[in-house]
């Protein structure tokens, strides 16, 4: 079942560099925990911050051209996501790993989906890494929690913050 969400990363100046719509698994017990697991490792955070300049927002027209170039390549349905993780709704929170990969040298192209966070009907969760404020911010239903990147909670403490929201889901 789809739990639509948004993954956001802001650089040290507060500029949004990643704003990726995710179709699946946008609840805290999945996307939130995966983000925490990634962010607990300072090397991951450093690699992510260092790689943000390799992320490029593109428009719908360029995105459509890229999709069309893959239309006839049906040998491997996962190939598109591996080559263009920022252009598929299936990547979700894993965009953090894709961008931070020390082995990736290519630009990661994506549509700026920042406005999706304002869709109160369909956007169920927002997972934001803000390097300017040094915070990991999760918005799920009516709950917003913020943690310092250098003092992230345990999984249990994090999930307890959403107990009311998760039991009503």
Foldseek 3Di string as FASTA:
>chain_A
DWQKAWEWEAAQVRHTLGTAIAGHDQDCLPLVVVLLVQLLDVLLVVLLNVQSVLEEEDDPVVLVVLVVVCPVVPPDPCVCCLVAVQNDNHCPSVVSVVSSPPPDDHRHYHHRPVCVVVVLVRHAKYWYQYNNVQWTWIDGNPDIDIDHSNDDDDSVVVVVSCVVVVVVD
